[in-house]
């Protein structure tokens, strides 16, 4: 089973692994520094597996692309 917490934990872990600041993460998750610090223990595992960033959902799930512009279309204006 996949829980909401699992998705948030993955987002925070990979964001830390890929150099995002705690302020950047906090602005997107609402989590405290103390909570974010708990995920630092998982960063080494992400590095060992050479995990990159998460793919935006509008790119990962084709059905979402039909609902709204892709990131490239959005940025192009």
PDB file of N, CA and C in Angstrom:
ATOM      1  N   UNK A   1       0.836  -1.189   0.000  1.00  0.00           N
ATOM      2  CA  UNK A   1       0.000   0.000   0.000  1.00  0.00           C
ATOM      3  C   UNK A   1       0.874   1.243   0.000  1.00  0.00           C
ATOM      4  N   UNK A   2       0.454   2.218  -0.749  1.00  0.00           N
ATOM      5  CA  UNK A   2       1.150   3.482  -0.823  1.00  0.00           C
ATOM      6  C   UNK A   2       0.344   4.521  -0.052  1.00  0.00           C
ATOM      7  N   UNK A   3       1.017   5.175   0.871  1.00  0.00           N
ATOM      8  CA  UNK A   3       0.334   6.176   1.703  1.00  0.00           C
ATOM      9  C   UNK A   3       0.792   7.575   1.315  1.00  0.00           C
ATOM     10  N   UNK A   4      -0.024   8.570   1.654  1.00  0.00           N
ATOM     11  CA  UNK A   4       0.341   9.957   1.400  1.00  0.00           C
ATOM     12  C   UNK A   4       1.702  10.269   2.025  1.00  0.00           C
ATOM     13  N   UNK A   5       1.924   9.766   3.221  1.00  0.00           N
ATOM     14  CA  UNK A   5       3.191   9.997   3.908  1.00  0.00           C
ATOM     15  C   UNK A   5       4.370   9.481   3.081  1.00  0.00           C
ATOM     16  N   UNK A   6       4.194   8.334   2.424  1.00  0.00           N
ATOM     17  CA  UNK A   6       5.263   7.773   1.606  1.00  0.00           C
ATOM     18  C   UNK A   6       5.645   8.715   0.466  1.00  0.00           C
ATOM     19  N   UNK A   7       4.643   9.318  -0.144  1.00  0.00           N
ATOM     20  CA  UNK A   7       4.907  10.251  -1.239  1.00  0.00           C
ATOM     21  C   UNK A   7       5.633  11.496  -0.742  1.00  0.00           C
ATOM     22  N   UNK A   8       5.194  12.018   0.399  1.00  0.00           N
ATOM     23  CA  UNK A   8       5.842  13.199   0.972  1.00  0.00           C
ATOM     24  C   UNK A   8       7.274  12.869   1.380  1.00  0.00           C
ATOM     25  N   UNK A   9       7.473  11.714   1.986  1.00  0.00           N
ATOM     26  CA  UNK A   9       8.809  11.294   2.406  1.00  0.00           C
ATOM     27  C   UNK A   9       9.732  11.151   1.201  1.00  0.00           C
ATOM     28  N   UNK A  10       9.225  10.591   0.123  1.00  0.00           N
ATOM     29  CA  UNK A  10      10.021  10.446  -1.098  1.00  0.00           C
ATOM     30  C   UNK A  10      10.378  11.813  -1.657  1.00  0.00           C
ATOM     31  N   UNK A  11       9.398  12.720  -1.706  1.00  0.00           N
ATOM     32  CA  UNK A  11       9.645  14.062  -2.217  1.00  0.00           C
ATOM     33  C   UNK A  11      10.728  14.766  -1.407  1.00  0.00           C
ATOM     34  N   UNK A  12      10.625  14.716  -0.083  1.00  0.00           N
ATOM     35  CA  UNK A  12      11.597  15.393   0.781  1.00  0.00           C
ATOM     36  C   UNK A  12      12.974  14.753   0.636  1.00  0.00           C
ATOM     37  N   UNK A  13      13.036  13.438   0.668  1.00  0.00           N
ATOM     38  CA  UNK A  13      14.317  12.737   0.566  1.00  0.00           C
ATOM     39  C   UNK A  13      15.025  13.055  -0.750  1.00  0.00           C
ATOM     40  N   UNK A  14      14.296  12.954  -1.859  1.00  0.00           N
ATOM     41  CA  UNK A  14      14.923  13.214  -3.156  1.00  0.00           C
ATOM     42  C   UNK A  14      15.266  14.689  -3.331  1.00  0.00           C
ATOM     43  N   UNK A  15      14.460  15.562  -2.750  1.00  0.00           N
ATOM     44  CA  UNK A  15      14.775  16.993  -2.824  1.00  0.00           C
ATOM     45  C   UNK A  15      16.067  17.294  -2.075  1.00  0.00           C
ATOM     46  N   UNK A  16      16.222  16.714  -0.893  1.00  0.00           N
ATOM     47  CA  UNK A  16      17.465  16.893  -0.139  1.00  0.00           C
ATOM     48  C   UNK A  16      18.645  16.302  -0.907  1.00  0.00           C
ATOM     49  N   UNK A  17      18.454  15.134  -1.466  1.00  0.00           N
ATOM     50  CA  UNK A  17      19.512  14.447  -2.204  1.00  0.00           C
ATOM     51  C   UNK A  17      19.962  15.273  -3.409  1.00  0.00           C
ATOM     52  N   UNK A  18      19.031  15.997  -4.007  1.00  0.00           N
ATOM     53  CA  UNK A  18      19.324  16.765  -5.209  1.00  0.00           C
ATOM     54  C   UNK A  18      19.629  18.230  -4.919  1.00  0.00           C
ATOM     55  N   UNK A  19      19.949  18.528  -3.655  1.00  0.00           N
ATOM     56  CA  UNK A  19      20.480  19.846  -3.315  1.00  0.00           C
ATOM     57  C   UNK A  19      19.479  20.941  -3.003  1.00  0.00           C
ATOM     58  N   UNK A  20      18.209  20.609  -2.862  1.00  0.00           N
ATOM     59  CA  UNK A  20      17.226  21.633  -2.506  1.00  0.00           C
ATOM     60  C   UNK A  20      17.427  22.021  -1.042  1.00  0.00           C
ATOM     61  N   UNK A  21      17.166  23.266  -0.722  1.00  0.00           N
ATOM     62  CA  UNK A  21      17.334  23.737   0.651  1.00  0.00           C
ATOM     63  C   UNK A  21      16.120  23.365   1.500  1.00  0.00           C
ATOM     64  N   UNK A  22      16.322  23.383   2.795  1.00  0.00           N
ATOM     65  CA  UNK A  22      15.206  23.117   3.706  1.00  0.00           C
ATOM     66  C   UNK A  22      14.119  24.173   3.559  1.00  0.00           C
ATOM     67  N   UNK A  23      14.513  25.420   3.300  1.00  0.00           N
ATOM     68  CA  UNK A  23      13.514  26.469   3.077  1.00  0.00           C
ATOM     69  C   UNK A  23      12.666  26.168   1.844  1.00  0.00           C
ATOM     70  N   UNK A  24      13.309  25.705   0.774  1.00  0.00           N
ATOM     71  CA  UNK A  24      12.588  25.351  -0.455  1.00  0.00           C
ATOM     72  C   UNK A  24      11.598  24.215  -0.172  1.00  0.00           C
ATOM     73  N   UNK A  25      12.060  23.207   0.552  1.00  0.00           N
ATOM     74  CA  UNK A  25      11.207  22.057   0.882  1.00  0.00           C
ATOM     75  C   UNK A  25      10.067  22.484   1.801  1.00  0.00           C
ATOM     76  N   UNK A  26      10.382  23.273   2.818  1.00  0.00           N
ATOM     77  CA  UNK A  26       9.364  23.723   3.774  1.00  0.00           C
ATOM     78  C   UNK A  26       8.268  24.522   3.075  1.00  0.00           C
ATOM     79  N   UNK A  27       8.640  25.357   2.108  1.00  0.00           N
ATOM     80  CA  UNK A  27       7.658  26.158   1.381  1.00  0.00           C
ATOM     81  C   UNK A  27       6.691  25.282   0.588  1.00  0.00           C
ATOM     82  N   UNK A  28       7.128  24.106   0.192  1.00  0.00           N
ATOM     83  CA  UNK A  28       6.285  23.224  -0.614  1.00  0.00           C
ATOM     84  C   UNK A  28       5.539  22.163   0.193  1.00  0.00           C
ATOM     85  N   UNK A  29       6.052  21.844   1.381  1.00  0.00           N
ATOM     86  CA  UNK A  29       5.429  20.773   2.163  1.00  0.00           C
ATOM     87  C   UNK A  29       4.788  21.259   3.457  1.00  0.00           C
ATOM     88  N   UNK A  30       5.248  22.407   3.953  1.00  0.00           N
ATOM     89  CA  UNK A  30       4.744  22.895   5.233  1.00  0.00           C
ATOM     90  C   UNK A  30       5.354  22.175   6.423  1.00  0.00           C
ATOM     91  N   UNK A  31       6.358  21.362   6.190  1.00  0.00           N
ATOM     92  CA  UNK A  31       6.975  20.608   7.272  1.00  0.00           C
ATOM     93  C   UNK A  31       8.009  21.455   8.000  1.00  0.00           C
ATOM     94  N   UNK A  32       8.196  21.153   9.284  1.00  0.00           N
ATOM     95  CA  UNK A  32       9.164  21.875  10.100  1.00  0.00           C
ATOM     96  C   UNK A  32      10.577  21.391   9.794  1.00  0.00           C
ATOM     97  N   UNK A  33      11.570  22.191  10.211  1.00  0.00           N
ATOM     98  CA  UNK A  33      12.969  21.779  10.038  1.00  0.00           C
ATOM     99  C   UNK A  33      13.228  20.450  10.732  1.00  0.00           C
ATOM    100  N   UNK A  34      12.620  20.261  11.897  1.00  0.00           N
ATOM    101  CA  UNK A  34      12.820  19.023  12.657  1.00  0.00           C
ATOM    102  C   UNK A  34      12.305  17.816  11.869  1.00  0.00           C
ATOM    103  N   UNK A  35      11.149  17.972  11.247  1.00  0.00           N
ATOM    104  CA  UNK A  35      10.592  16.873  10.460  1.00  0.00           C
ATOM    105  C   UNK A  35      11.435  16.613   9.221  1.00  0.00           C
ATOM    106  N   UNK A  36      11.849  17.671   8.557  1.00  0.00           N
ATOM    107  CA  UNK A  36      12.692  17.515   7.364  1.00  0.00           C
ATOM    108  C   UNK A  36      13.998  16.827   7.730  1.00  0.00           C
ATOM    109  N   UNK A  37      14.539  17.158   8.890  1.00  0.00           N
ATOM    110  CA  UNK A  37      15.812  16.562   9.332  1.00  0.00           C
ATOM    111  C   UNK A  37      15.709  15.044   9.470  1.00  0.00           C
ATOM    112  N   UNK A  38      14.528  14.540   9.775  1.00  0.00           N
ATOM    113  CA  UNK A  38      14.345  13.083   9.905  1.00  0.00           C
ATOM    114  C   UNK A  38      14.628  12.358   8.595  1.00  0.00           C
ATOM    115  N   UNK A  39      14.396  13.036   7.493  1.00  0.00           N
ATOM    116  CA  UNK A  39      14.575  12.394   6.191  1.00  0.00           C
ATOM    117  C   UNK A  39      16.018  12.371   5.735  1.00  0.00           C
ATOM    118  N   UNK A  40      16.885  13.107   6.397  1.00  0.00           N
ATOM    119  CA  UNK A  40      18.284  13.139   5.962  1.00  0.00           C
ATOM    120  C   UNK A  40      18.930  11.763   6.059  1.00  0.00           C
ATOM    121  N   UNK A  41      18.433  10.923   6.941  1.00  0.00           N
ATOM    122  CA  UNK A  41      19.005   9.578   7.070  1.00  0.00           C
ATOM    123  C   UNK A  41      18.752   8.742   5.822  1.00  0.00           C
ATOM    124  N   UNK A  42      17.717   9.094   5.053  1.00  0.00           N
ATOM    125  CA  UNK A  42      17.389   8.333   3.848  1.00  0.00           C
ATOM    126  C   UNK A  42      18.135   8.837   2.615  1.00  0.00           C
ATOM    127  N   UNK A  43      18.767   9.998   2.725  1.00  0.00           N
ATOM    128  CA  UNK A  43      19.444  10.594   1.573  1.00  0.00           C
ATOM    129  C   UNK A  43      20.575   9.696   1.074  1.00  0.00           C
ATOM    130  N   UNK A  44      21.327   9.089   1.977  1.00  0.00           N
ATOM    131  CA  UNK A  44      22.430   8.226   1.560  1.00  0.00           C
ATOM    132  C   UNK A  44      21.920   7.066   0.720  1.00  0.00           C
ATOM    133  N   UNK A  45      20.801   6.495   1.093  1.00  0.00           N
ATOM    134  CA  UNK A  45      20.219   5.409   0.295  1.00  0.00           C
ATOM    135  C   UNK A  45      19.841   5.878  -1.100  1.00  0.00           C
ATOM    136  N   UNK A  46      19.316   7.105  -1.196  1.00  0.00           N
ATOM    137  CA  UNK A  46      18.970   7.665  -2.501  1.00  0.00           C
ATOM    138  C   UNK A  46      20.229   7.898  -3.329  1.00  0.00           C
ATOM    139  N   UNK A  47      21.296   8.337  -2.667  1.00  0.00           N
ATOM    140  CA  UNK A  47      22.562   8.535  -3.374  1.00  0.00           C
ATOM    141  C   UNK A  47      23.140   7.200  -3.832  1.00  0.00           C
ATOM    142  N   UNK A  48      23.066   6.190  -2.960  1.00  0.00           N
ATOM    143  CA  UNK A  48      23.585   4.870  -3.317  1.00  0.00           C
ATOM    144  C   UNK A  48      22.870   4.292  -4.534  1.00  0.00           C
ATOM    145  N   UNK A  49      21.600   4.614  -4.675  1.00  0.00           N
ATOM    146  CA  UNK A  49      20.804   4.107  -5.797  1.00  0.00           C
ATOM    147  C   UNK A  49      20.821   5.060  -6.992  1.00  0.00           C
ATOM    148  N   UNK A  50      21.558   6.171  -6.835  1.00  0.00           N
ATOM    149  CA  UNK A  50      21.667   7.184  -7.888  1.00  0.00           C
ATOM    150  C   UNK A  50      20.298   7.683  -8.343  1.00  0.00           C
ATOM    151  N   UNK A  51      19.420   7.934  -7.381  1.00  0.00           N
ATOM    152  CA  UNK A  51      18.079   8.419  -7.698  1.00  0.00           C
ATOM    153  C   UNK A  51      18.115   9.901  -8.008  1.00  0.00           C
ATOM    154  N   UNK A  52      17.440  10.298  -9.046  1.00  0.00           N
ATOM    155  CA  UNK A  52      17.367  11.698  -9.443  1.00  0.00           C
ATOM    156  C   UNK A  52      16.105  12.343  -8.912  1.00  0.00           C
ATOM    157  N   UNK A  53      15.633  13.341  -9.628  1.00  0.00           N
ATOM    158  CA  UNK A  53      14.427  14.050  -9.213  1.00  0.00           C
ATOM    159  C   UNK A  53      13.195  13.294  -9.669  1.00  0.00           C
ATOM    160  N   UNK A  54      12.078  13.590  -9.029  1.00  0.00           N
ATOM    161  CA  UNK A  54      10.814  13.014  -9.451  1.00  0.00           C
ATOM    162  C   UNK A  54      10.381  13.642 -10.769  1.00  0.00           C
ATOM    163  N   UNK A  55       9.777  12.857 -11.622  1.00  0.00           N
ATOM    164  CA  UNK A  55       9.226  13.368 -12.872  1.00  0.00           C
ATOM    165  C   UNK A  55       7.916  14.082 -12.557  1.00  0.00           C
ATOM    166  N   UNK A  56       7.711  15.279 -13.082  1.00  0.00           N
ATOM    167  CA  UNK A  56       6.437  15.971 -12.848  1.00  0.00           C
ATOM    168  C   UNK A  56       5.269  15.084 -13.299  1.00  0.00           C
ATOM    169  N   UNK A  57       4.185  15.110 -12.552  1.00  0.00           N
ATOM    170  CA  UNK A  57       3.055  14.221 -12.841  1.00  0.00           C
ATOM    171  C   UNK A  57       2.487  14.429 -14.235  1.00  0.00           C
ATOM    172  N   UNK A  58       2.509  15.666 -14.741  1.00  0.00           N
ATOM    173  CA  UNK A  58       1.962  15.885 -16.077  1.00  0.00           C
ATOM    174  C   UNK A  58       2.830  15.251 -17.160  1.00  0.00           C
ATOM    175  N   UNK A  59       4.050  14.888 -16.814  1.00  0.00           N
ATOM    176  CA  UNK A  59       4.913  14.181 -17.754  1.00  0.00           C
ATOM    177  C   UNK A  59       4.899  12.675 -17.479  1.00  0.00           C
ATOM    178  N   UNK A  60       4.713  12.283 -16.232  1.00  0.00           N
ATOM    179  CA  UNK A  60       4.768  10.869 -15.855  1.00  0.00           C
ATOM    180  C   UNK A  60       3.472  10.134 -16.167  1.00  0.00           C
ATOM    181  N   UNK A  61       2.352  10.859 -16.122  1.00  0.00           N
ATOM    182  CA  UNK A  61       1.045  10.232 -16.344  1.00  0.00           C
ATOM    183  C   UNK A  61       0.421  10.866 -17.583  1.00  0.00           C
ATOM    184  N   UNK A  62       0.421  10.160 -18.684  1.00  0.00           N
ATOM    185  CA  UNK A  62      -0.048  10.748 -19.947  1.00  0.00           C
ATOM    186  C   UNK A  62      -1.448  11.353 -19.867  1.00  0.00           C
ATOM    187  N   UNK A  63      -2.328  10.769 -19.079  1.00  0.00           N
ATOM    188  CA  UNK A  63      -3.690  11.282 -18.974  1.00  0.00           C
ATOM    189  C   UNK A  63      -3.723  12.703 -18.416  1.00  0.00           C
ATOM    190  N   UNK A  64      -2.747  13.059 -17.588  1.00  0.00           N
ATOM    191  CA  UNK A  64      -2.694  14.412 -17.037  1.00  0.00           C
ATOM    192  C   UNK A  64      -2.329  15.434 -18.109  1.00  0.00           C
ATOM    193  N   UNK A  65      -1.550  15.023 -19.090  1.00  0.00           N
ATOM    194  CA  UNK A  65      -1.130  15.923 -20.154  1.00  0.00           C
ATOM    195  C   UNK A  65      -2.337  16.449 -20.919  1.00  0.00           C
ATOM    196  N   UNK A  66      -3.352  15.622 -21.058  1.00  0.00           N
ATOM    197  CA  UNK A  66      -4.550  16.028 -21.781  1.00  0.00           C
ATOM    198  C   UNK A  66      -5.364  17.059 -21.007  1.00  0.00           C
ATOM    199  N   UNK A  67      -5.177  17.123 -19.685  1.00  0.00           N
ATOM    200  CA  UNK A  67      -5.967  18.017 -18.852  1.00  0.00           C
ATOM    201  C   UNK A  67      -5.420  19.433 -18.809  1.00  0.00           C
ATOM    202  N   UNK A  68      -4.117  19.582 -18.935  1.00  0.00           N
ATOM    203  CA  UNK A  68      -3.505  20.902 -18.825  1.00  0.00           C
ATOM    204  C   UNK A  68      -2.214  20.937 -19.636  1.00  0.00           C
ATOM    205  N   UNK A  69      -1.706  22.140 -19.899  1.00  0.00           N
ATOM    206  CA  UNK A  69      -0.459  22.232 -20.665  1.00  0.00           C
ATOM    207  C   UNK A  69       0.698  21.553 -19.937  1.00  0.00           C
ATOM    208  N   UNK A  70       1.663  21.056 -20.688  1.00  0.00           N
ATOM    209  CA  UNK A  70       2.864  20.489 -20.085  1.00  0.00           C
ATOM    210  C   UNK A  70       3.714  21.609 -19.514  1.00  0.00           C
ATOM    211  N   UNK A  71       4.709  21.256 -18.757  1.00  0.00           N
ATOM    212  CA  UNK A  71       5.612  22.248 -18.160  1.00  0.00           C
ATOM    213  C   UNK A  71       6.251  23.110 -19.260  1.00  0.00           C
ATOM    214  N   UNK A  72       6.686  22.473 -20.350  1.00  0.00           N
ATOM    215  CA  UNK A  72       7.317  23.217 -21.440  1.00  0.00           C
ATOM    216  C   UNK A  72       6.326  24.203 -22.060  1.00  0.00           C
ATOM    217  N   UNK A  73       5.084  23.783 -22.255  1.00  0.00           N
ATOM    218  CA  UNK A  73       4.074  24.675 -22.812  1.00  0.00           C
ATOM    219  C   UNK A  73       3.781  25.817 -21.841  1.00  0.00           C
ATOM    220  N   UNK A  74       3.723  25.514 -20.553  1.00  0.00           N
ATOM    221  CA  UNK A  74       3.436  26.520 -19.538  1.00  0.00           C
ATOM    222  C   UNK A  74       4.542  27.587 -19.511  1.00  0.00           C
ATOM    223  N   UNK A  75       5.787  27.138 -19.543  1.00  0.00           N
ATOM    224  CA  UNK A  75       6.904  28.061 -19.498  1.00  0.00           C
ATOM    225  C   UNK A  75       7.023  28.883 -20.775  1.00  0.00           C
ATOM    226  N   UNK A  76       6.619  28.311 -21.900  1.00  0.00           N
ATOM    227  CA  UNK A  76       6.690  29.020 -23.171  1.00  0.00           C
ATOM    228  C   UNK A  76       5.641  30.130 -23.254  1.00  0.00           C
ATOM    229  N   UNK A  77       4.615  30.016 -22.402  1.00  0.00           N
ATOM    230  CA  UNK A  77       3.608  31.073 -22.349  1.00  0.00           C
ATOM    231  C   UNK A  77       2.499  30.802 -23.279  1.00  0.00           C
TER     232      UNK A  77
END
